[in-house]
Structures are given as C-alpha cells and as structure tokens.
Amino acid sequence: MIHSAITAHGKKLDAIIQNAQAASTDAAAASRRISPLLESSHQTVEAMQTELLPEADQTLSKLHELSNSLEEIAAEIQRDPTVLVRGRKPPPPGPGEEK
C-alpha cells in the first residue's frame, strides 16, 4: 500500500517536473522572441523623441501664435467692422510729420 502510494506520487512528481521543464523551455523561447521586439520598440521611441516630438512641438507653437493672431483680428473686427472694407487706419503722424 505504501509502495503503491509512493509510486503514484513519484509519477505525479515526474509529471510536474516535466511540465515545469516544458514551461521553462517555452519561457526561454518567448524571451528570445521578445528581445528583438523590445529593441525595435526602443528604436521607435528614440526616433519619436528625436524627430517627431520636436516637429510636433514646433507645429503646436505655430498654431498657438496663429490662434493668438486670429483672436486679435476678431477683436479688432468686433470693435470696428469697417476695417474689413477700409482696412486699418494708419497711425496718427508723429511729431514733425505731416499728413
């Protein structure tokens, strides 16, 4: 009885060890496949940081400037709608200048 129990547990232990070895082999293979993917991802992130992000930042700055200009123009038109037809009034002549 004890002998049969030990034999049964020994077989279960062998199966557990084989499963653990197979899982270890699978994990090692997955690790080898993931390594190039991680390297490629690193290169992609680096390219984004050095190329894409500076250009995006510059574009956003220009859009911000454009938005400010449009706000100024809209405010000027709201104050004096005739500016659309006649244009801006020239500044008044300075000291010593004639019209």
N, C-alpha and C. Protein backbone atom coordinates (compact mmCIF):
# COMPACT_ATOMS: atom_id res chain seq x y z
N MET A 1 0.81 -1.18 0.00
CA MET A 1 0.00 0.00 0.00
C MET A 1 0.86 1.26 0.00
N ILE A 2 1.83 1.30 0.89
CA ILE A 2 2.73 2.44 0.94
C ILE A 2 3.54 2.50 -0.34
N HIS A 3 3.97 1.37 -0.79
CA HIS A 3 4.76 1.31 -2.01
C HIS A 3 3.94 1.84 -3.20
N SER A 4 2.68 1.47 -3.31
CA SER A 4 1.86 1.95 -4.43
C SER A 4 1.60 3.45 -4.31
N ALA A 5 1.45 3.96 -3.07
CA ALA A 5 1.25 5.39 -2.87
C ALA A 5 2.50 6.17 -3.27
N ILE A 6 3.64 5.64 -2.90
CA ILE A 6 4.91 6.30 -3.25
C ILE A 6 5.10 6.29 -4.76
N THR A 7 4.77 5.19 -5.39
CA THR A 7 4.89 5.08 -6.84
C THR A 7 3.95 6.06 -7.54
N ALA A 8 2.72 6.18 -7.03
CA ALA A 8 1.76 7.11 -7.64
C ALA A 8 2.22 8.56 -7.47
N HIS A 9 2.71 8.88 -6.28
CA HIS A 9 3.19 10.24 -6.04
C HIS A 9 4.46 10.53 -6.84
N GLY A 10 5.29 9.51 -7.02
CA GLY A 10 6.50 9.66 -7.82
C GLY A 10 6.15 9.97 -9.27
N LYS A 11 5.12 9.30 -9.80
CA LYS A 11 4.68 9.56 -11.18
C LYS A 11 4.13 10.97 -11.30
N LYS A 12 3.35 11.41 -10.28
CA LYS A 12 2.82 12.76 -10.31
C LYS A 12 3.95 13.79 -10.24
N LEU A 13 4.95 13.48 -9.41
CA LEU A 13 6.10 14.38 -9.28
C LEU A 13 6.87 14.46 -10.59
N ASP A 14 7.04 13.32 -11.25
CA ASP A 14 7.71 13.31 -12.56
C ASP A 14 6.94 14.15 -13.57
N ALA A 15 5.61 14.05 -13.55
CA ALA A 15 4.78 14.83 -14.48
C ALA A 15 4.91 16.32 -14.17
N ILE A 16 4.94 16.66 -12.90
CA ILE A 16 5.09 18.07 -12.51
C ILE A 16 6.44 18.60 -12.97
N ILE A 17 7.47 17.81 -12.81
CA ILE A 17 8.82 18.23 -13.23
C ILE A 17 8.88 18.41 -14.74
N GLN A 18 8.27 17.47 -15.48
CA GLN A 18 8.25 17.59 -16.94
C GLN A 18 7.48 18.84 -17.38
N ASN A 19 6.37 19.10 -16.73
CA ASN A 19 5.60 20.30 -17.06
C ASN A 19 6.39 21.56 -16.76
N ALA A 20 7.11 21.56 -15.65
CA ALA A 20 7.93 22.72 -15.28
C ALA A 20 9.06 22.92 -16.29
N GLN A 21 9.67 21.82 -16.74
CA GLN A 21 10.73 21.92 -17.73
C GLN A 21 10.17 22.43 -19.06
N ALA A 22 9.01 21.98 -19.45
CA ALA A 22 8.40 22.45 -20.70
C ALA A 22 8.05 23.92 -20.60
N ALA A 23 7.52 24.34 -19.45
CA ALA A 23 7.19 25.76 -19.25
C ALA A 23 8.46 26.61 -19.27
N SER A 24 9.52 26.10 -18.69
CA SER A 24 10.78 26.82 -18.69
C SER A 24 11.32 26.96 -20.12
N THR A 25 11.23 25.91 -20.90
CA THR A 25 11.68 25.95 -22.30
C THR A 25 10.84 26.95 -23.10
N ASP A 26 9.51 26.91 -22.88
CA ASP A 26 8.62 27.85 -23.57
C ASP A 26 8.93 29.29 -23.17
N ALA A 27 9.20 29.51 -21.90
CA ALA A 27 9.51 30.87 -21.43
C ALA A 27 10.83 31.36 -22.04
N ALA A 28 11.79 30.49 -22.14
CA ALA A 28 13.07 30.87 -22.75
C ALA A 28 12.88 31.23 -24.22
N ALA A 29 12.07 30.44 -24.93
CA ALA A 29 11.82 30.72 -26.34
C ALA A 29 11.08 32.05 -26.49
N ALA A 30 10.11 32.29 -25.62
CA ALA A 30 9.36 33.55 -25.67
C ALA A 30 10.30 34.72 -25.38
N SER A 31 11.19 34.53 -24.46
CA SER A 31 12.15 35.59 -24.12
C SER A 31 13.04 35.93 -25.32
N ARG A 32 13.46 34.89 -26.05
CA ARG A 32 14.29 35.14 -27.24
C ARG A 32 13.51 35.88 -28.32
N ARG A 33 12.20 35.62 -28.44
CA ARG A 33 11.38 36.30 -29.44
C ARG A 33 11.07 37.74 -29.02
N ILE A 34 10.95 37.98 -27.75
CA ILE A 34 10.59 39.31 -27.25
C ILE A 34 11.77 40.27 -27.32
N SER A 35 12.96 39.78 -27.18
CA SER A 35 14.14 40.65 -27.16
C SER A 35 14.25 41.52 -28.41
N PRO A 36 14.13 40.98 -29.63
CA PRO A 36 14.20 41.86 -30.81
C PRO A 36 13.04 42.86 -30.86
N LEU A 37 11.88 42.42 -30.38
CA LEU A 37 10.73 43.33 -30.35
C LEU A 37 10.99 44.51 -29.42
N LEU A 38 11.57 44.24 -28.26
CA LEU A 38 11.91 45.31 -27.33
C LEU A 38 12.95 46.26 -27.92
N GLU A 39 13.91 45.71 -28.61
CA GLU A 39 14.94 46.55 -29.24
C GLU A 39 14.32 47.43 -30.31
N SER A 40 13.44 46.86 -31.11
CA SER A 40 12.76 47.63 -32.14
C SER A 40 11.90 48.72 -31.52
N SER A 41 11.21 48.40 -30.45
CA SER A 41 10.39 49.40 -29.76
C SER A 41 11.25 50.52 -29.22
N HIS A 42 12.39 50.18 -28.69
CA HIS A 42 13.32 51.20 -28.17
C HIS A 42 13.76 52.14 -29.29
N GLN A 43 14.07 51.57 -30.45
CA GLN A 43 14.49 52.40 -31.58
C GLN A 43 13.35 53.30 -32.04
N THR A 44 12.13 52.80 -32.03
CA THR A 44 10.98 53.59 -32.43
C THR A 44 10.75 54.76 -31.48
N VAL A 45 10.82 54.49 -30.19
CA VAL A 45 10.63 55.54 -29.19
C VAL A 45 11.73 56.59 -29.31
N GLU A 46 12.94 56.15 -29.53
CA GLU A 46 14.07 57.08 -29.69
C GLU A 46 13.86 57.97 -30.93
N ALA A 47 13.41 57.38 -32.02
CA ALA A 47 13.16 58.16 -33.23
C ALA A 47 12.05 59.18 -33.00
N MET A 48 11.02 58.77 -32.27
CA MET A 48 9.94 59.71 -31.97
C MET A 48 10.45 60.88 -31.14
N GLN A 49 11.29 60.60 -30.16
CA GLN A 49 11.80 61.65 -29.29
C GLN A 49 12.71 62.61 -30.04
N THR A 50 13.48 62.11 -30.98
CA THR A 50 14.44 62.97 -31.67
C THR A 50 13.90 63.63 -32.93
N GLU A 51 12.89 63.02 -33.56
CA GLU A 51 12.39 63.56 -34.82
C GLU A 51 10.96 64.08 -34.73
N LEU A 52 10.07 63.25 -34.30
CA LEU A 52 8.65 63.58 -34.34
C LEU A 52 8.25 64.61 -33.29
N LEU A 53 8.66 64.41 -32.05
CA LEU A 53 8.24 65.31 -30.98
C LEU A 53 8.72 66.75 -31.16
N PRO A 54 9.98 66.99 -31.57
CA PRO A 54 10.37 68.39 -31.79
C PRO A 54 9.55 69.07 -32.88
N GLU A 55 9.26 68.34 -33.96
CA GLU A 55 8.45 68.92 -35.03
C GLU A 55 7.02 69.18 -34.56
N ALA A 56 6.48 68.26 -33.78
CA ALA A 56 5.13 68.45 -33.25
C ALA A 56 5.09 69.66 -32.31
N ASP A 57 6.12 69.82 -31.50
CA ASP A 57 6.19 70.96 -30.59
C ASP A 57 6.26 72.26 -31.37
N GLN A 58 7.06 72.29 -32.42
CA GLN A 58 7.18 73.49 -33.25
C GLN A 58 5.83 73.79 -33.94
N THR A 59 5.17 72.78 -34.42
CA THR A 59 3.86 72.96 -35.07
C THR A 59 2.84 73.51 -34.08
N LEU A 60 2.83 72.97 -32.87
CA LEU A 60 1.91 73.46 -31.86
C LEU A 60 2.20 74.91 -31.49
N SER A 61 3.46 75.29 -31.43
CA SER A 61 3.82 76.68 -31.15
C SER A 61 3.30 77.61 -32.25
N LYS A 62 3.48 77.19 -33.49
CA LYS A 62 2.97 78.00 -34.61
C LYS A 62 1.46 78.11 -34.58
N LEU A 63 0.78 77.01 -34.25
CA LEU A 63 -0.68 77.05 -34.15
C LEU A 63 -1.13 77.98 -33.03
N HIS A 64 -0.38 77.99 -31.94
CA HIS A 64 -0.70 78.89 -30.84
C HIS A 64 -0.56 80.35 -31.28
N GLU A 65 0.53 80.66 -31.97
CA GLU A 65 0.73 82.02 -32.49
C GLU A 65 -0.39 82.40 -33.45
N LEU A 66 -0.75 81.49 -34.34
CA LEU A 66 -1.82 81.74 -35.30
C LEU A 66 -3.15 81.99 -34.58
N SER A 67 -3.41 81.19 -33.57
CA SER A 67 -4.64 81.36 -32.80
C SER A 67 -4.67 82.73 -32.12
N ASN A 68 -3.55 83.15 -31.56
CA ASN A 68 -3.48 84.48 -30.94
C ASN A 68 -3.73 85.58 -31.98
N SER A 69 -3.14 85.44 -33.16
CA SER A 69 -3.33 86.44 -34.22
C SER A 69 -4.80 86.51 -34.63
N LEU A 70 -5.43 85.35 -34.79
CA LEU A 70 -6.84 85.33 -35.17
C LEU A 70 -7.72 85.95 -34.09
N GLU A 71 -7.38 85.73 -32.84
CA GLU A 71 -8.14 86.35 -31.75
C GLU A 71 -8.02 87.87 -31.81
N GLU A 72 -6.81 88.37 -32.09
CA GLU A 72 -6.59 89.82 -32.19
C GLU A 72 -7.39 90.41 -33.35
N ILE A 73 -7.36 89.72 -34.49
CA ILE A 73 -8.10 90.20 -35.67
C ILE A 73 -9.60 90.19 -35.39
N ALA A 74 -10.09 89.12 -34.78
CA ALA A 74 -11.53 89.03 -34.47
C ALA A 74 -11.93 90.15 -33.51
N ALA A 75 -11.09 90.43 -32.52
CA ALA A 75 -11.40 91.51 -31.58
C ALA A 75 -11.41 92.86 -32.29
N GLU A 76 -10.46 93.08 -33.21
CA GLU A 76 -10.40 94.34 -33.95
C GLU A 76 -11.63 94.51 -34.83
N ILE A 77 -12.05 93.43 -35.49
CA ILE A 77 -13.24 93.49 -36.35
C ILE A 77 -14.49 93.73 -35.50
N GLN A 78 -14.52 93.15 -34.33
CA GLN A 78 -15.67 93.35 -33.46
C GLN A 78 -15.74 94.81 -32.99
N ARG A 79 -14.59 95.41 -32.71
CA ARG A 79 -14.56 96.82 -32.30
C ARG A 79 -14.91 97.75 -33.45
N ASP A 80 -14.40 97.43 -34.66
CA ASP A 80 -14.60 98.31 -35.81
C ASP A 80 -14.81 97.46 -37.06
N PRO A 81 -16.05 97.06 -37.36
CA PRO A 81 -16.30 96.20 -38.51
C PRO A 81 -15.91 96.82 -39.86
N THR A 82 -15.80 98.15 -39.92
CA THR A 82 -15.42 98.78 -41.19
C THR A 82 -13.99 98.44 -41.59
N VAL A 83 -13.23 97.91 -40.69
CA VAL A 83 -11.85 97.54 -41.02
C VAL A 83 -11.83 96.49 -42.14
N LEU A 84 -12.93 95.72 -42.27
CA LEU A 84 -13.00 94.73 -43.35
C LEU A 84 -13.06 95.39 -44.72
N VAL A 85 -13.68 96.57 -44.79
CA VAL A 85 -13.84 97.27 -46.07
C VAL A 85 -12.70 98.26 -46.29
N ARG A 86 -12.42 99.05 -45.28
CA ARG A 86 -11.46 100.15 -45.43
C ARG A 86 -10.04 99.79 -45.01
N GLY A 87 -9.89 98.72 -44.29
CA GLY A 87 -8.56 98.36 -43.79
C GLY A 87 -8.27 99.11 -42.50
N ARG A 88 -7.12 98.89 -41.99
CA ARG A 88 -6.73 99.55 -40.75
C ARG A 88 -6.42 101.01 -41.01
N LYS A 89 -6.73 101.80 -40.01
CA LYS A 89 -6.40 103.23 -40.13
C LYS A 89 -4.91 103.39 -39.90
N PRO A 90 -4.29 104.25 -40.70
CA PRO A 90 -2.86 104.46 -40.46
C PRO A 90 -2.69 105.16 -39.10
N PRO A 91 -1.58 104.94 -38.46
CA PRO A 91 -1.37 105.59 -37.17
C PRO A 91 -1.28 107.12 -37.38
N PRO A 92 -1.64 107.87 -36.35
CA PRO A 92 -1.55 109.32 -36.50
C PRO A 92 -0.10 109.75 -36.70
N PRO A 93 0.13 110.83 -37.45
CA PRO A 93 1.50 111.26 -37.70
C PRO A 93 2.20 111.60 -36.38
N GLY A 94 3.45 111.31 -36.34
CA GLY A 94 4.26 111.62 -35.17
C GLY A 94 4.69 113.07 -35.18
N PRO A 95 5.40 113.49 -34.14
CA PRO A 95 5.88 114.88 -34.09
C PRO A 95 6.76 115.22 -35.31
N GLY A 96 6.44 116.31 -35.95
CA GLY A 96 7.22 116.76 -37.11
C GLY A 96 6.80 116.10 -38.41
N GLU A 97 5.82 115.18 -38.39
CA GLU A 97 5.34 114.54 -39.60
C GLU A 97 4.09 115.24 -40.08
N GLU A 98 3.93 115.26 -41.39
CA GLU A 98 2.71 115.82 -41.97
C GLU A 98 1.85 114.70 -42.52
N LYS A 99 0.57 115.03 -42.68
CA LYS A 99 -0.35 114.03 -43.23
C LYS A 99 -0.12 113.84 -44.69
